[in-house]
Protein backbone atom coordinates (compact mmCIF):
# COMPACT_ATOMS: atom_id res chain seq x y z
CA UNK A 1 -32.25 -1.95 12.74
CA UNK A 2 -31.75 -2.30 9.00
CA UNK A 3 -29.32 -4.85 7.68
CA UNK A 4 -26.48 -3.18 5.74
CA UNK A 5 -25.36 -6.56 4.42
CA UNK A 6 -28.64 -7.74 2.88
CA UNK A 7 -28.37 -8.61 -0.82
CA UNK A 8 -31.37 -9.73 -2.79
CA UNK A 9 -31.02 -12.99 -4.73
CA UNK A 10 -30.63 -12.19 -8.39
CA UNK A 11 -32.47 -13.85 -11.21
CA UNK A 12 -30.21 -16.03 -13.39
CA UNK A 13 -28.82 -14.01 -16.27
CA UNK A 14 -28.11 -15.37 -19.75
CA UNK A 15 -24.55 -16.31 -20.57
CA UNK A 16 -22.81 -14.08 -23.07
CA UNK A 17 -21.84 -16.19 -26.04
CA UNK A 18 -18.34 -16.15 -27.39
CA UNK A 19 -19.52 -14.45 -30.55
CA UNK A 20 -17.68 -12.40 -33.13
CA UNK A 21 -19.07 -9.23 -31.55
CA UNK A 22 -17.94 -10.29 -28.12
CA UNK A 23 -14.53 -11.14 -29.48
CA UNK A 24 -14.18 -7.71 -31.06
CA UNK A 25 -15.12 -5.97 -27.83
CA UNK A 26 -12.81 -8.26 -25.89
CA UNK A 27 -9.87 -7.41 -28.14
CA UNK A 28 -10.52 -3.75 -27.35
CA UNK A 29 -10.32 -4.01 -23.58
CA UNK A 30 -7.41 -6.47 -23.65
CA UNK A 31 -5.45 -4.15 -25.89
CA UNK A 32 -5.40 -1.56 -23.10
CA UNK A 33 -3.41 -3.87 -20.81
CA UNK A 34 0.33 -4.28 -20.54
CA UNK A 35 1.86 -7.75 -20.90
CA UNK A 36 1.74 -8.67 -17.19
CA UNK A 37 -1.77 -7.32 -16.76
CA UNK A 38 -3.01 -9.32 -19.72
CA UNK A 39 -1.31 -12.44 -18.36
CA UNK A 40 -3.18 -11.95 -15.07
CA UNK A 41 -6.49 -11.45 -16.88
CA UNK A 42 -6.18 -14.45 -19.17
CA UNK A 43 -4.93 -16.93 -16.53
CA UNK A 44 -8.48 -18.04 -15.75
CA UNK A 45 -8.11 -21.70 -14.85
CA UNK A 46 -6.47 -22.97 -11.69
CA UNK A 47 -5.17 -21.00 -8.69
CA UNK A 48 -3.56 -17.66 -9.52
CA UNK A 49 -1.81 -15.14 -7.29
CA UNK A 50 -1.44 -11.63 -8.68
CA UNK A 51 1.18 -9.62 -6.81
CA UNK A 52 0.11 -6.08 -7.62
CA UNK A 53 2.40 -3.30 -6.49
CA UNK A 54 1.02 0.14 -5.75
CA UNK A 55 0.02 2.04 -8.89
CA UNK A 56 0.32 -0.97 -11.22
CA UNK A 57 -3.29 -1.03 -12.42
CA UNK A 58 -4.71 -3.58 -10.01
CA UNK A 59 -8.31 -2.34 -10.30
CA UNK A 60 -8.19 -2.53 -14.08
CA UNK A 61 -6.93 -6.11 -13.87
CA UNK A 62 -9.68 -7.11 -11.42
CA UNK A 63 -12.54 -5.68 -13.44
CA UNK A 64 -11.16 -6.83 -16.80
CA UNK A 65 -10.65 -10.34 -15.46
CA UNK A 66 -14.27 -10.50 -14.31
CA UNK A 67 -15.49 -9.23 -17.66
CA UNK A 68 -13.23 -11.67 -19.50
CA UNK A 69 -14.66 -14.57 -17.48
CA UNK A 70 -18.21 -13.66 -18.47
CA UNK A 71 -17.34 -13.13 -22.12
CA UNK A 72 -15.05 -16.03 -22.90
CA UNK A 73 -15.62 -18.77 -20.34
CA UNK A 74 -19.37 -18.98 -20.88
CA UNK A 75 -19.70 -18.92 -17.10
CA UNK A 76 -22.97 -17.79 -15.59
CA UNK A 77 -22.60 -14.60 -13.54
CA UNK A 78 -24.00 -16.24 -10.40
CA UNK A 79 -21.23 -18.87 -10.64
CA UNK A 80 -18.64 -16.17 -9.96
CA UNK A 81 -17.71 -15.05 -6.44
CA UNK A 82 -15.81 -11.75 -6.15
CA UNK A 83 -14.76 -10.52 -2.71
CA UNK A 84 -13.66 -7.01 -1.75
CA UNK A 85 -12.91 -5.30 1.55
CA UNK A 86 -15.19 -2.27 1.29
CA UNK A 87 -18.67 -1.59 -0.05
CA UNK A 88 -17.23 1.27 -2.09
CA UNK A 89 -14.78 -1.06 -3.83
CA UNK A 90 -17.60 -3.54 -4.52
CA UNK A 91 -19.79 -0.83 -6.07
CA UNK A 92 -16.97 0.50 -8.22
CA UNK A 93 -16.04 -2.97 -9.41
CA UNK A 94 -19.63 -3.82 -10.33
CA UNK A 95 -20.02 -0.53 -12.22
CA UNK A 96 -16.79 -1.05 -14.17
CA UNK A 97 -17.64 -4.63 -15.07
CA UNK A 98 -21.13 -3.54 -16.12
CA UNK A 99 -19.49 -0.99 -18.42
CA UNK A 100 -17.70 -3.87 -20.15
CA UNK A 101 -20.35 -6.59 -20.22
CA UNK A 102 -23.63 -4.89 -19.33
CA UNK A 103 -26.49 -6.41 -17.31
CA UNK A 104 -24.94 -9.77 -16.35
CA UNK A 105 -22.60 -7.97 -13.93
CA UNK A 106 -25.55 -7.50 -11.58
CA UNK A 107 -25.83 -11.25 -10.97
CA UNK A 108 -22.23 -11.78 -9.83
CA UNK A 109 -21.85 -12.70 -6.17
CA UNK A 110 -19.83 -9.54 -5.55
CA UNK A 111 -19.42 -7.87 -2.18
CA UNK A 112 -17.46 -7.66 1.04
CA UNK A 113 -16.66 -10.70 3.17
CA UNK A 114 -19.33 -9.59 5.63
CA UNK A 115 -22.00 -8.98 3.00
CA UNK A 116 -21.45 -12.33 1.30
CA UNK A 117 -21.25 -14.17 4.63
CA UNK A 118 -24.53 -12.59 5.73
CA UNK A 119 -26.17 -13.61 2.46
CA UNK A 120 -25.18 -17.24 2.96
CA UNK A 121 -26.26 -17.25 6.60
CA UNK A 122 -29.72 -15.87 5.85
CA UNK A 123 -30.32 -18.79 3.53
CA UNK A 124 -29.21 -21.38 6.12
CA UNK A 125 -29.83 -19.53 9.38
CA UNK A 126 -31.75 -22.34 11.07
CA UNK A 127 -28.70 -24.62 10.79
CA UNK A 128 -26.72 -22.35 13.11
CA UNK A 129 -29.55 -21.61 15.53
CA UNK A 130 -30.87 -18.36 14.06
CA UNK A 131 -33.83 -17.24 11.97
CA UNK A 132 -33.34 -15.80 8.49
CA UNK A 133 -34.33 -12.30 9.66
CA UNK A 134 -31.58 -12.13 12.29
CA UNK A 135 -30.30 -8.70 13.29
CA UNK A 136 -26.68 -7.63 12.86
CA UNK A 137 -25.45 -5.69 15.87
CA UNK A 138 -23.19 -2.70 15.42
CA UNK A 139 -20.16 -2.10 17.63
CA UNK A 140 -22.02 -0.04 20.26
CA UNK A 141 -24.72 -2.71 20.62
CA UNK A 142 -22.05 -5.40 21.01
CA UNK A 143 -20.28 -3.47 23.77
CA UNK A 144 -23.56 -2.71 25.53
CA UNK A 145 -24.54 -6.38 25.57
CA UNK A 146 -21.15 -7.51 26.87
CA UNK A 147 -21.21 -4.83 29.56
CA UNK A 148 -24.51 -6.26 30.82
CA UNK A 149 -22.90 -9.68 31.07
CA UNK A 150 -19.87 -8.27 32.89
CA UNK A 151 -22.10 -6.59 35.43
CA UNK A 152 -24.24 -9.72 35.88
CA UNK A 153 -21.06 -11.66 36.65
CA UNK A 154 -19.85 -9.01 39.11
CA UNK A 155 -16.74 -8.33 37.06
CA UNK A 156 -15.21 -4.88 37.51
CA UNK A 157 -15.97 -3.12 34.21
CA UNK A 158 -13.46 -0.37 35.03
CA UNK A 159 -10.60 -2.81 35.32
CA UNK A 160 -11.92 -4.91 32.45
CA UNK A 161 -13.69 -2.42 30.11
CA UNK A 162 -16.39 -3.97 27.95
CA UNK A 163 -15.03 -2.33 24.81
CA UNK A 164 -11.56 -3.76 25.37
CA UNK A 165 -12.93 -7.22 26.20
CA UNK A 166 -15.11 -7.10 23.08
CA UNK A 167 -12.00 -6.31 21.05
CA UNK A 168 -10.39 -9.50 22.35
CA UNK A 169 -13.49 -11.57 21.51
CA UNK A 170 -13.61 -10.12 18.01
CA UNK A 171 -9.93 -10.99 17.46
CA UNK A 172 -10.75 -14.56 18.47
CA UNK A 173 -13.56 -14.56 15.93
CA UNK A 174 -11.22 -13.15 13.29
CA UNK A 175 -9.06 -16.21 13.88
CA UNK A 176 -12.02 -18.56 13.50
CA UNK A 177 -12.09 -19.44 17.21
CA UNK A 178 -15.43 -20.37 18.77
CA UNK A 179 -15.49 -20.38 22.61
CA UNK A 180 -14.64 -24.09 22.78
CA UNK A 181 -11.47 -23.52 20.74
CA UNK A 182 -10.00 -20.75 22.91
CA UNK A 183 -7.38 -22.26 25.20
CA UNK A 184 -7.01 -21.34 28.85
CA UNK A 185 -3.46 -20.18 28.17
CA UNK A 186 -4.67 -17.82 25.46
CA UNK A 187 -7.47 -16.40 27.60
CA UNK A 188 -5.13 -15.89 30.57
CA UNK A 189 -6.59 -13.85 33.41
CA UNK A 190 -8.70 -11.58 31.21
CA UNK A 191 -11.90 -10.57 33.00
CA UNK A 192 -10.59 -12.35 36.06
CA UNK A 193 -10.01 -15.52 34.06
CA UNK A 194 -13.64 -15.66 32.96
CA UNK A 195 -13.55 -14.16 29.48
CA UNK A 196 -14.07 -17.48 27.69
CA UNK A 197 -17.17 -18.09 29.81
CA UNK A 198 -18.36 -14.57 29.00
CA UNK A 199 -17.72 -15.29 25.31
CA UNK A 200 -19.97 -18.37 25.59
CA UNK A 201 -22.67 -16.37 27.39
CA UNK A 202 -22.40 -13.58 24.84
CA UNK A 203 -22.89 -15.99 21.93
CA UNK A 204 -25.86 -17.60 23.68
CA UNK A 205 -27.45 -14.19 24.33
CA UNK A 206 -27.03 -13.34 20.65
CA UNK A 207 -28.86 -16.53 19.70
CA UNK A 208 -31.71 -15.73 22.09
CA UNK A 209 -31.98 -12.26 20.55
CA UNK A 210 -31.81 -13.74 17.03
CA UNK A 211 -28.77 -11.57 16.39
CA UNK A 212 -25.18 -11.79 15.18
CA UNK A 213 -22.24 -9.43 15.23
CA UNK A 214 -19.78 -8.71 12.42
CA UNK A 215 -17.37 -11.44 13.48
CA UNK A 216 -20.17 -14.01 13.43
CA UNK A 217 -20.89 -13.44 9.75
CA UNK A 218 -17.85 -15.52 8.82
CA UNK A 219 -17.45 -17.53 12.02
CA UNK A 220 -20.99 -18.92 11.64
CA UNK A 221 -20.23 -19.68 7.98
CA UNK A 222 -17.24 -21.78 9.03
CA UNK A 223 -19.43 -23.65 11.53
CA UNK A 224 -22.12 -24.05 8.87
CA UNK A 225 -19.69 -25.51 6.33
CA UNK A 226 -17.87 -27.77 8.78
CA UNK A 227 -21.07 -29.24 10.20
CA UNK A 228 -23.10 -29.45 6.98
CA UNK A 229 -21.14 -31.04 4.15
CA UNK A 230 -24.07 -30.76 1.76
CA UNK A 231 -24.23 -26.99 2.21
CA UNK A 232 -20.49 -26.65 1.64
CA UNK A 233 -20.68 -28.76 -1.52
CA UNK A 234 -23.56 -26.63 -2.79
CA UNK A 235 -21.37 -23.51 -2.71
CA UNK A 236 -18.24 -25.30 -3.89
CA UNK A 237 -20.11 -26.50 -6.97
CA UNK A 238 -21.82 -23.14 -7.53
CA UNK A 239 -18.71 -20.96 -7.53
CA UNK A 240 -16.70 -22.04 -10.53
CA UNK A 241 -14.48 -18.98 -10.23
CA UNK A 242 -13.44 -17.00 -7.15
CA UNK A 243 -11.70 -13.62 -7.19
CA UNK A 244 -10.33 -11.92 -4.06
CA UNK A 245 -9.07 -8.35 -3.70
CA UNK A 246 -6.51 -7.15 -1.11
CA UNK A 247 -5.62 -10.72 -0.14
CA UNK A 248 -2.74 -9.52 2.06
CA UNK A 249 -5.32 -8.03 4.45
CA UNK A 250 -7.34 -11.22 5.02
CA UNK A 251 -7.59 -12.61 8.54
CA UNK A 252 -7.63 -16.29 9.49
CA UNK A 253 -11.44 -16.65 9.36
CA UNK A 254 -11.59 -15.10 5.90
CA UNK A 255 -8.72 -17.30 4.75
CA UNK A 256 -10.43 -20.47 6.01
CA UNK A 257 -13.74 -19.43 4.40
CA UNK A 258 -12.05 -18.90 1.04
CA UNK A 259 -10.07 -22.14 1.21
CA UNK A 260 -13.21 -24.17 1.87
CA UNK A 261 -15.08 -22.59 -1.03
CA UNK A 262 -12.15 -22.93 -3.43
CA UNK A 263 -11.76 -26.69 -2.96
CA UNK A 264 -14.50 -27.39 -5.50
CA UNK A 265 -13.09 -26.05 -8.76
CA UNK A 266 -9.79 -24.54 -7.49
CA UNK A 267 -10.22 -21.59 -9.84
CA UNK A 268 -9.29 -18.97 -7.28
CA UNK A 269 -7.43 -15.76 -8.13
CA UNK A 270 -6.13 -13.63 -5.28
CA UNK A 271 -4.84 -10.13 -5.89
CA UNK A 272 -2.71 -8.41 -3.27
CA UNK A 273 0.61 -6.94 -2.28
CA UNK A 274 2.61 -8.45 0.55
CA UNK A 275 4.52 -5.16 0.78
CA UNK A 276 1.32 -3.32 1.72
CA UNK A 277 0.19 -5.53 4.61
CA UNK A 278 -0.39 -2.95 7.36
CA UNK A 279 -3.45 -4.30 9.20
CA UNK A 280 -1.94 -6.93 11.48
CA UNK A 281 -3.29 -4.88 14.41
CA UNK A 282 -6.84 -5.76 13.37
CA UNK A 283 -6.21 -9.42 12.63
CA UNK A 284 -4.78 -9.40 9.09
CA UNK A 285 -2.36 -12.26 8.48
CA UNK A 286 0.26 -11.57 5.81
CA UNK A 287 1.17 -15.27 5.95
CA UNK A 288 -2.00 -15.97 3.95
CA UNK A 289 -0.48 -14.44 0.83
CA UNK A 290 3.04 -15.69 1.54
CA UNK A 291 1.96 -19.35 1.61
CA UNK A 292 -0.48 -19.18 -1.31
CA UNK A 293 1.67 -21.51 -3.40
CA UNK A 294 1.75 -24.03 -0.55
CA UNK A 295 -2.01 -23.88 -0.11
CA UNK A 296 -2.61 -24.24 -3.85
CA UNK A 297 0.15 -26.36 -5.42
CA UNK A 298 0.81 -25.52 -9.03
CA UNK A 299 -0.45 -21.96 -8.60
CA UNK A 300 0.51 -19.39 -11.21
CA UNK A 301 2.11 -16.21 -9.85
CA UNK A 302 1.90 -13.00 -11.88
CA UNK A 303 3.79 -9.88 -10.79
CA UNK A 304 2.45 -6.46 -11.77
CA UNK A 305 5.55 -4.28 -11.54
CA UNK A 306 5.07 -1.50 -14.08
CA UNK A 307 4.03 1.56 -12.10
CA UNK A 308 1.85 4.32 -13.57
CA UNK A 309 1.70 6.57 -10.52
CA UNK A 310 5.17 7.53 -9.29
CA UNK A 311 8.46 8.79 -10.68
CA UNK A 312 11.58 6.66 -10.98
CA UNK A 313 13.39 8.23 -7.97
CA UNK A 314 10.41 7.50 -5.71
CA UNK A 315 10.15 3.91 -6.92
CA UNK A 316 13.90 3.35 -6.51
CA UNK A 317 13.83 4.61 -2.92
CA UNK A 318 10.73 2.56 -2.05
CA UNK A 319 12.21 -0.60 -3.56
CA UNK A 320 15.49 -0.14 -1.72
CA UNK A 321 13.68 0.18 1.61
CA UNK A 322 11.19 -2.65 1.21
CA UNK A 323 13.92 -5.01 0.01
CA UNK A 324 15.05 -5.25 3.65
CA UNK A 325 11.77 -6.96 4.61
CA UNK A 326 12.29 -10.65 5.24
CA UNK A 327 8.70 -11.82 4.83
CA UNK A 328 7.94 -10.98 1.21
CA UNK A 329 7.64 -12.72 -2.14
CA UNK A 330 9.59 -10.06 -3.98
CA UNK A 331 8.98 -7.70 -6.88
CA UNK A 332 10.59 -4.55 -8.24
CA UNK A 333 8.45 -1.62 -9.37
CA UNK A 334 9.54 0.36 -12.42
CA UNK A 335 8.19 3.03 -14.71
CA UNK A 336 8.62 4.05 -18.33
CA UNK A 337 8.36 7.68 -17.27
CA UNK A 338 11.51 9.75 -17.29
CA UNK A 339 12.66 12.46 -14.92
CA UNK A 340 11.37 13.15 -11.47
CA UNK A 341 12.97 15.18 -8.70
CA UNK A 342 15.35 13.42 -6.35
CA UNK A 343 14.09 12.62 -2.87
CA UNK A 344 15.54 14.89 -0.18
CA UNK A 345 15.82 13.57 3.37
CA UNK A 346 16.25 15.98 6.28
CA UNK A 347 16.77 14.88 9.86
CA UNK A 348 15.35 17.49 12.24
CA UNK A 349 15.24 17.72 16.02
CA UNK A 350 11.49 17.83 16.65
CA UNK A 351 8.11 18.63 15.15
CA UNK A 352 8.49 22.36 15.71
CA UNK A 353 11.79 22.52 13.86
CA UNK A 354 10.31 20.35 11.10
CA UNK A 355 7.38 22.74 10.68
CA UNK A 356 9.77 25.72 10.56
CA UNK A 357 11.95 24.09 7.91
CA UNK A 358 9.03 23.10 5.69
CA UNK A 359 7.23 26.45 6.01
CA UNK A 360 10.43 28.28 5.02
CA UNK A 361 10.77 25.98 2.02
CA UNK A 362 7.15 26.62 1.03
CA UNK A 363 7.67 30.39 1.21
CA UNK A 364 10.76 30.04 -0.97
CA UNK A 365 8.84 28.01 -3.56
CA UNK A 366 5.97 30.48 -3.47
CA UNK A 367 8.27 33.46 -4.09
CA UNK A 368 10.99 32.10 -6.35
CA UNK A 369 9.70 28.69 -7.33
CA UNK A 370 11.84 26.65 -9.65
CA UNK A 371 13.65 28.15 -12.58
CA UNK A 372 12.22 31.52 -11.57
CA UNK A 373 8.58 30.39 -11.84
CA UNK A 374 6.63 30.82 -8.55
CA UNK A 375 4.57 27.85 -7.37
CA UNK A 376 1.05 28.47 -6.02
CA UNK A 377 0.14 27.21 -2.56
CA UNK A 378 -2.67 25.14 -4.05
CA UNK A 379 -0.05 23.12 -5.92
CA UNK A 380 1.77 22.07 -2.74
CA UNK A 381 0.88 19.43 -0.16
CA UNK A 382 2.17 18.24 3.20
CA UNK A 383 1.73 14.57 4.06
CA UNK A 384 2.02 13.29 7.63
CA UNK A 385 1.78 9.83 9.16
CA UNK A 386 -0.92 10.75 11.71
CA UNK A 387 -3.34 13.62 12.25
CA UNK A 388 -1.76 14.85 15.47
CA UNK A 389 1.43 15.71 13.55
CA UNK A 390 -0.32 18.56 11.74
CA UNK A 391 -0.54 20.69 14.90
CA UNK A 392 2.95 22.23 14.59
CA UNK A 393 2.31 23.05 10.93
CA UNK A 394 -1.04 24.67 11.69
CA UNK A 395 0.50 26.84 14.41
CA UNK A 396 3.38 27.79 12.16
CA UNK A 397 1.16 28.77 9.23
CA UNK A 398 -1.09 30.91 11.41
């Protein structure tokens, strides 16, 4: 199968000099930022945490900061590591940076955790028992392989489904736990008390097949760095600047990987929002962002609080609710925009009554609108928390 994480090594690109022309262009893109955004962009040296609330221009700050590094720090593009959570975000970031600085953007080490981990592993594969052309298994292949091991061990796959057991193993990997680090208490009686042994057998089978799964792409990197100090130093010296997006969604393995790499120059900037940490169910650890200042003493913290997306009533309600959270660093979103309709809260008995209330309101808006001006259906929207909640609305509208 093809490797979705393969990235070709780029040729070194020339450094953009801090010339008069570059300075003029720089003044242009910096002028588009508000005071907090500019502070986040220009705080290049040392550890920096950017707390970016929703709608505060986080993407602009990320791309402008990268461009600013290349223009004014005389840093080579391949000395910059930029980490995102999705391939789409990586592509968009590279395109935006290229729009500001041109060709050098192509040489930045920019990608997802998995893509960058795979790139490192292919260069040093033999040190972790693989060949450089190792295959990356998708989820179905992982489950199929574990199911074979369950059957070979005479473990009831109906009571202990391979997909569920694989989910447990992947969570262990997300926490940076190799089989020898999983305690008996943590493993419990999963798979009849044999899941750790199955984890060991699974890893060994992957090595025989010259394969890795998604969790291995960072887990093997941690093993590589911890067992080969020279390799770790190579990357610590290479990456003079590190930039991380959506830091509140990082898991333990990603956190450990970043901490190791950042110990060289300590120029790490993490952008995130502790109020938007919603992926704990898949291993995200909000504590990573909450203890940033402990991990990197002397870190600068910049809060992006000016919102460009929502009205003042929406921001006020959101701030009042999130203020009750105990585990947060704190920020208050605001907007220069005026007006905005007040938020109306209705408590209804069930989904059917909710659909009836909303459909009646929609009909009223369609006929009479506001101030006597009808509102078209295409200008209205219904948002729900989960897809199954649309059923009552669909039946009502039919």
